[in-house]
Amino acid sequence: MSTIAHNGTALVTGASSGIGAVYADRLARRGYDLILVARSGDKLKELAARITDETGRSVETLSADLTKTEDLARVEQVLRTDASITLLVNNAGVGATAPLLQSDIAKMESMVALNVTGPMRLTYAVAPAFVSRGTGTIINIASIVAIAPEVLNGVYGGSKAFILAFSQSLHHELADKGVRVQAVLPGATATDFWDAAGLPVSHLPSEIVMSATDMVEAALSGLDQGELVTIPALPNIADWNTFDTARLALGPNLSLAAPAARYSA
């Protein structure tokens, strides 16, 4: 049995494999009980049994397809009513690699439902409870395409840009209310994401592909260090700070009464 202090319950979406499964394992070892959410109930049960055997933590499973309104509502209800939940990991997502003009619009719409609507609704379900208790953590898994949208499919990039902007806004709103927010921007990660997106990970240069274990451990280290935005592969945090400082410097001049002089006749 684990002797690590109990840190409450972490709800992890997309937890049956890859990044979500590693988060589940590492959070259990950090003293969290777990609620694991994914479409594959059998995989969740196998993972839950292993984690409980190895850590002694309580692990519940919830089979749900977060693109379906009724399934999403069930997870929202858990987040609203389970007062033990102290951490939400919005990890469930899907990607695409084909150019927009070669993409199936129905699949793009489903991607937006999973990558954007799901995390938004789950966050709105849990945030009031975190605020009322004055504590809680929300981890949103974005992607480097949030700031490099030219790299992959544009709808995928746009969905992850939403996650980054949403996380920054949440931090602005909730930091003084005791709620932690972290956006994680992984690069290429060795999971089945790539097969589902249409580009097997074996086709990528090995020097750009990080293991899911290394990615999650780096992200949790970033959380421990108080980072709002964690880019696990970025060697120098000063590069991100320069980027973000330049973004913030635009603020005072983004909305003015007169057009810029370069637009004058």
C-alpha atoms as a PDB file:
ATOM      1  CA  MET A   1       0.000   0.000   0.000  1.00  0.00           C
ATOM      2  CA  SER A   2       1.129   3.535  -0.750  1.00  0.00           C
ATOM      3  CA  THR A   3       2.242   5.716   2.157  1.00  0.00           C
ATOM      4  CA  ILE A   4       2.203   8.896   0.060  1.00  0.00           C
ATOM      5  CA  ALA A   5      -0.103  11.593   1.396  1.00  0.00           C
ATOM      6  CA  HIS A   6      -3.511  11.733  -0.268  1.00  0.00           C
ATOM      7  CA  ASN A   7      -3.825  14.670  -2.674  1.00  0.00           C
ATOM      8  CA  GLY A   8      -7.466  14.178  -3.584  1.00  0.00           C
ATOM      9  CA  THR A   9      -8.779  12.744  -6.830  1.00  0.00           C
ATOM     10  CA  ALA A  10      -7.527  13.428 -10.352  1.00  0.00           C
ATOM     11  CA  LEU A  11      -9.891  12.977 -13.287  1.00  0.00           C
ATOM     12  CA  VAL A  12      -7.962  12.178 -16.482  1.00  0.00           C
ATOM     13  CA  THR A  13      -9.591  12.047 -19.915  1.00  0.00           C
ATOM     14  CA  GLY A  14      -8.198   9.987 -22.762  1.00  0.00           C
ATOM     15  CA  ALA A  15      -6.664   7.798 -20.083  1.00  0.00           C
ATOM     16  CA  SER A  16      -6.704   4.358 -21.683  1.00  0.00           C
ATOM     17  CA  SER A  17      -3.324   4.666 -23.427  1.00  0.00           C
ATOM     18  CA  GLY A  18      -0.469   6.982 -24.352  1.00  0.00           C
ATOM     19  CA  ILE A  19      -0.125  10.305 -22.575  1.00  0.00           C
ATOM     20  CA  GLY A  20      -3.298   9.846 -20.521  1.00  0.00           C
ATOM     21  CA  ALA A  21      -2.227   6.448 -19.192  1.00  0.00           C
ATOM     22  CA  VAL A  22       1.171   7.835 -18.156  1.00  0.00           C
ATOM     23  CA  TYR A  23      -0.511  10.750 -16.385  1.00  0.00           C
ATOM     24  CA  ALA A  24      -2.733   8.276 -14.546  1.00  0.00           C
ATOM     25  CA  ASP A  25       0.256   6.248 -13.382  1.00  0.00           C
ATOM     26  CA  ARG A  26       2.371   9.219 -12.334  1.00  0.00           C
ATOM     27  CA  LEU A  27      -0.466  11.005 -10.541  1.00  0.00           C
ATOM     28  CA  ALA A  28      -1.301   7.853  -8.585  1.00  0.00           C
ATOM     29  CA  ARG A  29       2.332   7.667  -7.501  1.00  0.00           C
ATOM     30  CA  ARG A  30       2.064  11.303  -6.397  1.00  0.00           C
ATOM     31  CA  GLY A  31      -0.799  10.411  -4.054  1.00  0.00           C
ATOM     32  CA  TYR A  32      -3.919  10.985  -6.138  1.00  0.00           C
ATOM     33  CA  ASP A  33      -6.887   8.674  -6.376  1.00  0.00           C
ATOM     34  CA  LEU A  34      -8.113   8.526  -9.952  1.00  0.00           C
ATOM     35  CA  ILE A  35     -11.169   8.712 -12.153  1.00  0.00           C
ATOM     36  CA  LEU A  36     -10.125   7.543 -15.607  1.00  0.00           C
ATOM     37  CA  VAL A  37     -12.225   8.449 -18.636  1.00  0.00           C
ATOM     38  CA  ALA A  38     -11.960   7.033 -22.155  1.00  0.00           C
ATOM     39  CA  ARG A  39     -14.048   5.234 -24.766  1.00  0.00           C
ATOM     40  CA  SER A  40     -12.393   1.856 -24.172  1.00  0.00           C
ATOM     41  CA  GLY A  41     -13.832   0.450 -20.964  1.00  0.00           C
ATOM     42  CA  ASP A  42     -11.778  -2.752 -21.105  1.00  0.00           C
ATOM     43  CA  LYS A  43      -8.464  -0.905 -21.441  1.00  0.00           C
ATOM     44  CA  LEU A  44      -9.442   1.411 -18.594  1.00  0.00           C
ATOM     45  CA  LYS A  45     -10.219  -1.506 -16.300  1.00  0.00           C
ATOM     46  CA  GLU A  46      -6.888  -3.179 -17.067  1.00  0.00           C
ATOM     47  CA  LEU A  47      -5.006   0.054 -16.378  1.00  0.00           C
ATOM     48  CA  ALA A  48      -7.000   0.704 -13.204  1.00  0.00           C
ATOM     49  CA  ALA A  49      -6.234  -2.764 -11.841  1.00  0.00           C
ATOM     50  CA  ARG A  50      -2.514  -2.375 -12.507  1.00  0.00           C
ATOM     51  CA  ILE A  51      -2.324   1.078 -10.926  1.00  0.00           C
ATOM     52  CA  THR A  52      -4.238  -0.037  -7.846  1.00  0.00           C
ATOM     53  CA  ASP A  53      -2.003  -3.105  -7.464  1.00  0.00           C
ATOM     54  CA  GLU A  54       1.173  -1.017  -7.782  1.00  0.00           C
ATOM     55  CA  THR A  55       0.206   2.080  -5.802  1.00  0.00           C
ATOM     56  CA  GLY A  56      -2.716   1.203  -3.556  1.00  0.00           C
ATOM     57  CA  ARG A  57      -4.687   4.185  -4.859  1.00  0.00           C
ATOM     58  CA  SER A  58      -8.412   4.025  -5.535  1.00  0.00           C
ATOM     59  CA  VAL A  59      -9.096   4.058  -9.278  1.00  0.00           C
ATOM     60  CA  GLU A  60     -12.547   4.418 -10.813  1.00  0.00           C
ATOM     61  CA  THR A  61     -13.252   4.107 -14.521  1.00  0.00           C
ATOM     62  CA  LEU A  62     -15.835   5.852 -16.645  1.00  0.00           C
ATOM     63  CA  SER A  63     -16.346   4.728 -20.224  1.00  0.00           C
ATOM     64  CA  ALA A  64     -17.420   7.753 -22.263  1.00  0.00           C
ATOM     65  CA  ASP A  65     -17.157   9.132 -25.783  1.00  0.00           C
ATOM     66  CA  LEU A  66     -16.678  12.859 -25.204  1.00  0.00           C
ATOM     67  CA  THR A  67     -17.970  13.704 -28.684  1.00  0.00           C
ATOM     68  CA  LYS A  68     -21.406  12.448 -27.577  1.00  0.00           C
ATOM     69  CA  THR A  69     -23.541  14.922 -25.654  1.00  0.00           C
ATOM     70  CA  GLU A  70     -24.938  12.385 -23.201  1.00  0.00           C
ATOM     71  CA  ASP A  71     -21.526  10.909 -22.391  1.00  0.00           C
ATOM     72  CA  LEU A  72     -19.965  14.338 -21.944  1.00  0.00           C
ATOM     73  CA  ALA A  73     -22.827  15.292 -19.618  1.00  0.00           C
ATOM     74  CA  ARG A  74     -22.125  12.253 -17.406  1.00  0.00           C
ATOM     75  CA  VAL A  75     -18.513  13.318 -16.935  1.00  0.00           C
ATOM     76  CA  GLU A  76     -19.578  16.918 -16.294  1.00  0.00           C
ATOM     77  CA  GLN A  77     -21.898  15.701 -13.562  1.00  0.00           C
ATOM     78  CA  VAL A  78     -19.056  13.840 -11.843  1.00  0.00           C
ATOM     79  CA  LEU A  79     -16.898  16.971 -11.931  1.00  0.00           C
ATOM     80  CA  ARG A  80     -19.695  19.107 -10.472  1.00  0.00           C
ATOM     81  CA  THR A  81     -20.627  16.745  -7.648  1.00  0.00           C
ATOM     82  CA  ASP A  82     -17.511  14.847  -6.524  1.00  0.00           C
ATOM     83  CA  ALA A  83     -15.935  17.084  -3.901  1.00  0.00           C
ATOM     84  CA  SER A  84     -12.825  14.882  -3.739  1.00  0.00           C
ATOM     85  CA  ILE A  85     -11.692  16.006  -7.211  1.00  0.00           C
ATOM     86  CA  THR A  86      -8.726  18.363  -6.967  1.00  0.00           C
ATOM     87  CA  LEU A  87      -7.177  17.939 -10.426  1.00  0.00           C
ATOM     88  CA  LEU A  88      -8.561  17.754 -13.963  1.00  0.00           C
ATOM     89  CA  VAL A  89      -6.375  16.629 -16.865  1.00  0.00           C
ATOM     90  CA  ASN A  90      -8.018  17.488 -20.191  1.00  0.00           C
ATOM     91  CA  ASN A  91      -6.015  15.085 -22.336  1.00  0.00           C
ATOM     92  CA  ALA A  92      -8.536  13.440 -24.678  1.00  0.00           C
ATOM     93  CA  GLY A  93      -8.047  14.588 -28.238  1.00  0.00           C
ATOM     94  CA  VAL A  94      -7.520  13.598 -31.825  1.00  0.00           C
ATOM     95  CA  GLY A  95      -5.297  14.978 -34.562  1.00  0.00           C
ATOM     96  CA  ALA A  96      -5.043  15.224 -38.331  1.00  0.00           C
ATOM     97  CA  THR A  97      -2.151  15.638 -40.720  1.00  0.00           C
ATOM     98  CA  ALA A  98      -3.848  16.089 -44.112  1.00  0.00           C
ATOM     99  CA  PRO A  99      -4.208  19.596 -45.579  1.00  0.00           C
ATOM    100  CA  LEU A 100      -7.608  21.184 -45.021  1.00  0.00           C
ATOM    101  CA  LEU A 101      -8.664  20.864 -48.657  1.00  0.00           C
ATOM    102  CA  GLN A 102      -8.009  17.124 -48.509  1.00  0.00           C
ATOM    103  CA  SER A 103      -9.831  16.611 -45.210  1.00  0.00           C
ATOM    104  CA  ASP A 104     -13.269  15.211 -44.415  1.00  0.00           C
ATOM    105  CA  ILE A 105     -15.300  18.088 -42.976  1.00  0.00           C
ATOM    106  CA  ALA A 106     -17.344  15.719 -40.796  1.00  0.00           C
ATOM    107  CA  LYS A 107     -14.131  14.432 -39.218  1.00  0.00           C
ATOM    108  CA  MET A 108     -12.953  18.020 -38.716  1.00  0.00           C
ATOM    109  CA  GLU A 109     -16.211  18.823 -36.925  1.00  0.00           C
ATOM    110  CA  SER A 110     -15.803  15.753 -34.713  1.00  0.00           C
ATOM    111  CA  MET A 111     -12.244  16.887 -33.942  1.00  0.00           C
ATOM    112  CA  VAL A 112     -13.505  20.271 -32.786  1.00  0.00           C
ATOM    113  CA  ALA A 113     -16.079  18.559 -30.580  1.00  0.00           C
ATOM    114  CA  LEU A 114     -13.422  16.457 -28.853  1.00  0.00           C
ATOM    115  CA  ASN A 115     -10.505  18.929 -28.799  1.00  0.00           C
ATOM    116  CA  VAL A 116     -12.428  22.126 -28.054  1.00  0.00           C
ATOM    117  CA  THR A 117     -15.982  21.550 -26.807  1.00  0.00           C
ATOM    118  CA  GLY A 118     -15.021  18.692 -24.494  1.00  0.00           C
ATOM    119  CA  PRO A 119     -12.268  20.472 -22.535  1.00  0.00           C
ATOM    120  CA  MET A 120     -14.295  23.677 -22.429  1.00  0.00           C
ATOM    121  CA  ARG A 121     -17.362  22.008 -20.943  1.00  0.00           C
ATOM    122  CA  LEU A 122     -15.405  19.870 -18.490  1.00  0.00           C
ATOM    123  CA  THR A 123     -13.488  22.906 -17.291  1.00  0.00           C
ATOM    124  CA  TYR A 124     -16.687  24.876 -16.816  1.00  0.00           C
ATOM    125  CA  ALA A 125     -18.112  21.951 -14.871  1.00  0.00           C
ATOM    126  CA  VAL A 126     -15.273  21.798 -12.343  1.00  0.00           C
ATOM    127  CA  ALA A 127     -14.036  25.404 -12.106  1.00  0.00           C
ATOM    128  CA  PRO A 128     -16.846  26.725  -9.860  1.00  0.00           C
ATOM    129  CA  ALA A 129     -16.193  23.927  -7.359  1.00  0.00           C
ATOM    130  CA  PHE A 130     -12.463  24.669  -7.358  1.00  0.00           C
ATOM    131  CA  VAL A 131     -13.146  28.369  -6.833  1.00  0.00           C
ATOM    132  CA  SER A 132     -15.562  27.683  -3.984  1.00  0.00           C
ATOM    133  CA  ARG A 133     -12.933  25.538  -2.243  1.00  0.00           C
ATOM    134  CA  GLY A 134     -10.106  27.943  -3.052  1.00  0.00           C
ATOM    135  CA  THR A 135      -7.955  25.223  -4.571  1.00  0.00           C
ATOM    136  CA  GLY A 136      -7.711  22.964  -7.604  1.00  0.00           C
ATOM    137  CA  THR A 137      -5.600  22.352 -10.700  1.00  0.00           C
ATOM    138  CA  ILE A 138      -6.552  22.195 -14.382  1.00  0.00           C
ATOM    139  CA  ILE A 139      -4.037  20.732 -16.849  1.00  0.00           C
ATOM    140  CA  ASN A 140      -4.906  21.205 -20.525  1.00  0.00           C
ATOM    141  CA  ILE A 141      -2.954  19.210 -23.110  1.00  0.00           C
ATOM    142  CA  ALA A 142      -2.443  21.418 -26.151  1.00  0.00           C
ATOM    143  CA  SER A 143       0.352  21.006 -28.733  1.00  0.00           C
ATOM    144  CA  ILE A 144       3.226  22.923 -30.264  1.00  0.00           C
ATOM    145  CA  VAL A 145       0.909  23.499 -33.238  1.00  0.00           C
ATOM    146  CA  ALA A 146      -0.889  26.016 -31.026  1.00  0.00           C
ATOM    147  CA  ILE A 147       2.006  28.359 -31.833  1.00  0.00           C
ATOM    148  CA  ALA A 148       3.167  26.654 -35.044  1.00  0.00           C
ATOM    149  CA  PRO A 149      -0.103  26.137 -36.974  1.00  0.00           C
ATOM    150  CA  GLU A 150       1.694  25.609 -40.280  1.00  0.00           C
ATOM    151  CA  VAL A 151       3.080  22.261 -39.113  1.00  0.00           C
ATOM    152  CA  LEU A 152      -0.026  20.026 -39.374  1.00  0.00           C
ATOM    153  CA  ASN A 153      -3.692  20.236 -40.323  1.00  0.00           C
ATOM    154  CA  GLY A 154      -5.111  23.729 -39.782  1.00  0.00           C
ATOM    155  CA  VAL A 155      -8.234  22.651 -37.904  1.00  0.00           C
ATOM    156  CA  TYR A 156      -6.082  20.622 -35.519  1.00  0.00           C
ATOM    157  CA  GLY A 157      -3.772  23.605 -35.052  1.00  0.00           C
ATOM    158  CA  GLY A 158      -6.739  25.880 -34.478  1.00  0.00           C
ATOM    159  CA  SER A 159      -8.191  23.524 -31.877  1.00  0.00           C
ATOM    160  CA  LYS A 160      -4.927  23.516 -29.941  1.00  0.00           C
ATOM    161  CA  ALA A 161      -4.564  27.297 -30.254  1.00  0.00           C
ATOM    162  CA  PHE A 162      -7.953  27.455 -28.551  1.00  0.00           C
ATOM    163  CA  ILE A 163      -6.645  25.303 -25.690  1.00  0.00           C
ATOM    164  CA  LEU A 164      -3.646  27.586 -25.215  1.00  0.00           C
ATOM    165  CA  ALA A 165      -5.709  30.785 -25.299  1.00  0.00           C
ATOM    166  CA  PHE A 166      -8.378  29.238 -23.058  1.00  0.00           C
ATOM    167  CA  SER A 167      -5.717  28.239 -20.523  1.00  0.00           C
ATOM    168  CA  GLN A 168      -4.148  31.705 -20.520  1.00  0.00           C
ATOM    169  CA  SER A 169      -7.558  33.290 -19.988  1.00  0.00           C
ATOM    170  CA  LEU A 170      -8.403  30.830 -17.201  1.00  0.00           C
ATOM    171  CA  HIS A 171      -5.141  31.644 -15.461  1.00  0.00           C
ATOM    172  CA  HIS A 172      -5.921  35.354 -15.720  1.00  0.00           C
ATOM    173  CA  GLU A 173      -9.378  34.796 -14.190  1.00  0.00           C
ATOM    174  CA  LEU A 174      -8.668  32.139 -11.593  1.00  0.00           C
ATOM    175  CA  ALA A 175      -5.098  32.469 -10.313  1.00  0.00           C
ATOM    176  CA  ASP A 176      -6.102  34.803  -7.479  1.00  0.00           C
ATOM    177  CA  LYS A 177      -8.868  32.363  -6.494  1.00  0.00           C
ATOM    178  CA  GLY A 178      -6.462  29.541  -5.721  1.00  0.00           C
ATOM    179  CA  VAL A 179      -6.893  27.621  -8.986  1.00  0.00           C
ATOM    180  CA  ARG A 180      -3.776  26.473 -10.872  1.00  0.00           C
ATOM    181  CA  VAL A 181      -3.864  26.228 -14.677  1.00  0.00           C
ATOM    182  CA  GLN A 182      -1.233  24.684 -16.927  1.00  0.00           C
ATOM    183  CA  ALA A 183      -1.192  24.332 -20.709  1.00  0.00           C
ATOM    184  CA  VAL A 184       1.162  21.620 -21.965  1.00  0.00           C
ATOM    185  CA  LEU A 185       2.453  21.914 -25.538  1.00  0.00           C
ATOM    186  CA  PRO A 186       4.015  18.588 -26.559  1.00  0.00           C
ATOM    187  CA  GLY A 187       5.855  18.157 -29.802  1.00  0.00           C
ATOM    188  CA  ALA A 188       5.763  14.811 -31.616  1.00  0.00           C
ATOM    189  CA  THR A 189       5.149  12.136 -28.982  1.00  0.00           C
ATOM    190  CA  ALA A 190       5.403   8.371 -29.478  1.00  0.00           C
ATOM    191  CA  THR A 191       1.748   7.359 -29.095  1.00  0.00           C
ATOM    192  CA  ASP A 192      -0.981   5.937 -31.335  1.00  0.00           C
ATOM    193  CA  PHE A 193      -2.051   9.533 -32.032  1.00  0.00           C
ATOM    194  CA  TRP A 194      -0.021   9.454 -35.236  1.00  0.00           C
ATOM    195  CA  ASP A 195      -1.576   6.300 -36.640  1.00  0.00           C
ATOM    196  CA  ALA A 196      -5.042   7.720 -36.004  1.00  0.00           C
ATOM    197  CA  ALA A 197      -4.013  11.002 -37.634  1.00  0.00           C
ATOM    198  CA  GLY A 198      -2.817   9.244 -40.783  1.00  0.00           C
ATOM    199  CA  LEU A 199       0.959   9.527 -40.360  1.00  0.00           C
ATOM    200  CA  PRO A 200       2.611   6.593 -38.518  1.00  0.00           C
ATOM    201  CA  VAL A 201       5.112   7.790 -35.944  1.00  0.00           C
ATOM    202  CA  SER A 202       7.723   5.526 -37.548  1.00  0.00           C
ATOM    203  CA  HIS A 203       7.693   7.903 -40.532  1.00  0.00           C
ATOM    204  CA  LEU A 204       8.896  10.817 -38.384  1.00  0.00           C
ATOM    205  CA  PRO A 205      12.586  11.595 -37.748  1.00  0.00           C
ATOM    206  CA  SER A 206      13.490   9.910 -34.464  1.00  0.00           C
ATOM    207  CA  GLU A 207      15.258  13.045 -33.227  1.00  0.00           C
ATOM    208  CA  ILE A 208      11.959  14.938 -32.976  1.00  0.00           C
ATOM    209  CA  VAL A 209       9.915  12.209 -31.248  1.00  0.00           C
ATOM    210  CA  MET A 210       9.703  12.127 -27.441  1.00  0.00           C
ATOM    211  CA  SER A 211       8.418   9.170 -25.427  1.00  0.00           C
ATOM    212  CA  ALA A 212       5.090   9.660 -23.663  1.00  0.00           C
ATOM    213  CA  THR A 213       6.795   8.938 -20.331  1.00  0.00           C
ATOM    214  CA  ASP A 214       9.416  11.638 -20.817  1.00  0.00           C
ATOM    215  CA  MET A 215       6.756  14.083 -22.022  1.00  0.00           C
ATOM    216  CA  VAL A 216       4.510  13.603 -18.993  1.00  0.00           C
ATOM    217  CA  GLU A 217       7.349  13.670 -16.484  1.00  0.00           C
ATOM    218  CA  ALA A 218       8.630  16.923 -18.001  1.00  0.00           C
ATOM    219  CA  ALA A 219       5.115  18.380 -17.920  1.00  0.00           C
ATOM    220  CA  LEU A 220       4.682  17.482 -14.261  1.00  0.00           C
ATOM    221  CA  SER A 221       8.057  19.035 -13.501  1.00  0.00           C
ATOM    222  CA  GLY A 222       6.821  22.181 -15.242  1.00  0.00           C
ATOM    223  CA  LEU A 223       3.715  22.100 -13.059  1.00  0.00           C
ATOM    224  CA  ASP A 224       5.897  21.779  -9.952  1.00  0.00           C
ATOM    225  CA  GLN A 225       7.886  24.805 -11.135  1.00  0.00           C
ATOM    226  CA  GLY A 226       4.729  26.883 -11.464  1.00  0.00           C
ATOM    227  CA  GLU A 227       4.724  27.185 -15.256  1.00  0.00           C
ATOM    228  CA  LEU A 228       1.540  28.332 -16.959  1.00  0.00           C
ATOM    229  CA  VAL A 229       2.823  27.076 -20.330  1.00  0.00           C
ATOM    230  CA  THR A 230       5.092  24.041 -20.496  1.00  0.00           C
ATOM    231  CA  ILE A 231       6.813  23.047 -23.746  1.00  0.00           C
ATOM    232  CA  PRO A 232       8.638  19.835 -22.797  1.00  0.00           C
ATOM    233  CA  ALA A 233      11.118  19.902 -25.690  1.00  0.00           C
ATOM    234  CA  LEU A 234      12.036  23.609 -25.570  1.00  0.00           C
ATOM    235  CA  PRO A 235      15.675  23.807 -24.378  1.00  0.00           C
ATOM    236  CA  ASN A 236      15.591  27.421 -23.165  1.00  0.00           C
ATOM    237  CA  ILE A 237      12.557  28.798 -21.327  1.00  0.00           C
ATOM    238  CA  ALA A 238      13.850  32.290 -22.132  1.00  0.00           C
ATOM    239  CA  ASP A 239      12.733  31.726 -25.735  1.00  0.00           C
ATOM    240  CA  TRP A 240       9.135  31.229 -24.627  1.00  0.00           C
ATOM    241  CA  ASN A 241       9.363  34.171 -22.239  1.00  0.00           C
ATOM    242  CA  THR A 242      10.579  36.402 -25.088  1.00  0.00           C
ATOM    243  CA  PHE A 243       7.715  35.221 -27.287  1.00  0.00           C
ATOM    244  CA  ASP A 244       5.108  35.792 -24.596  1.00  0.00           C
ATOM    245  CA  THR A 245       6.559  39.165 -23.574  1.00  0.00           C
ATOM    246  CA  ALA A 246       6.328  40.320 -27.203  1.00  0.00           C
ATOM    247  CA  ARG A 247       2.705  39.172 -27.315  1.00  0.00           C
ATOM    248  CA  LEU A 248       1.827  41.085 -24.168  1.00  0.00           C
ATOM    249  CA  ALA A 249       3.646  44.186 -25.433  1.00  0.00           C
ATOM    250  CA  LEU A 250       1.142  44.406 -28.294  1.00  0.00           C
ATOM    251  CA  GLY A 251      -1.702  44.833 -25.813  1.00  0.00           C
ATOM    252  CA  PRO A 252      -1.863  48.621 -25.356  1.00  0.00           C
ATOM    253  CA  ASN A 253      -2.024  49.227 -29.118  1.00  0.00           C
ATOM    254  CA  LEU A 254      -4.373  46.470 -30.268  1.00  0.00           C
ATOM    255  CA  SER A 255      -7.493  48.608 -29.883  1.00  0.00           C
ATOM    256  CA  LEU A 256      -7.304  52.355 -30.606  1.00  0.00           C
ATOM    257  CA  ALA A 257      -9.744  54.953 -31.864  1.00  0.00           C
ATOM    258  CA  ALA A 258      -7.825  55.702 -35.076  1.00  0.00           C
ATOM    259  CA  PRO A 259      -6.366  53.374 -37.710  1.00  0.00           C
ATOM    260  CA  ALA A 260      -2.585  53.039 -37.851  1.00  0.00           C
ATOM    261  CA  ALA A 261      -0.843  55.625 -40.013  1.00  0.00           C
ATOM    262  CA  ARG A 262       0.137  53.006 -42.614  1.00  0.00           C
ATOM    263  CA  TYR A 263      -3.567  52.609 -43.499  1.00  0.00           C
ATOM    264  CA  SER A 264      -4.090  56.301 -44.191  1.00  0.00           C
ATOM    265  CA  ALA A 265      -4.691  57.373 -47.798  1.00  0.00           C
END
